[in-house]
Amino acid sequence: MTKSVDFIFDFASPNAYLVHRVLPGIAERTGATFRYIPCLLGGIFKATGNQAPMIAFAPIPNKLAYEQLEFGRFIARHGLSDFTFNPHFPVNTVLLQRGALVAERDGRLMDYVEAGLHHMWEAPKNMSDPETYAEAMSESGFDGAALVEGAQDAAIKQKLIDNTGAAVERGAFGIPTFYVGQEMFFGKERLDQVEEAVATLAD
């Protein structure tokens, strides 16, 4: 039996980028596969009443400073020196997320994830702008114009809505969220727990 882990994913989350870079090691050690499920983080926040840490912790300077400290520690621990904070943050990722579903339909989701994360968090751009998005994705081996067009497909739009709603139904309130079987794990700080849970799954 394949050890499969669901990963609730949105390019909007810098933490999603960080865990994406760490997951291959977990997969190699455990034999697990990670199933990326494109959802809309803003939709999850709206449905659950959650907020981004920079907003939620704004009245608590020490808490926000500690979040930033832990962020830096994670980067240092895993040697993620390619990370660059996107100056356009927060970026509306509706186009990116719909494009991910187009790529998934075409059997290229993981290539798309790699490209999208590169253009969000390594060579950061305003990926909410259709022209910028199309050019960036074309540079990465996709037909950027076709992705923009495909993102307007009614079925793709509905799929993103459905994915987001299903994630909320499962208990998700933010990203990155993982499911090992029925067990939910939230945040990059829970990756050790994810790995431990995967190890208990039958081969």
Foldseek 3Di string as FASTA:
>chain_A
DAQEKEWEDDLLDPLRVLVVVVVVVLCVVQVHDYHYQYAFQVLLCVVPVHDDCCVVCVVPVVVSVVVVVVVVVSCVVSVVVLFDAAPVPSARCLLLSLLLVVCVVVVRNVLSVVQSNCCPTRVDDRCNDLVVVQVSVVVSPDRSVVSNVSSPDPVSSVSNVVSHVVCVVLPDRGPGWMDRDSDIDHGPVCVVVVSVSSNPDDD
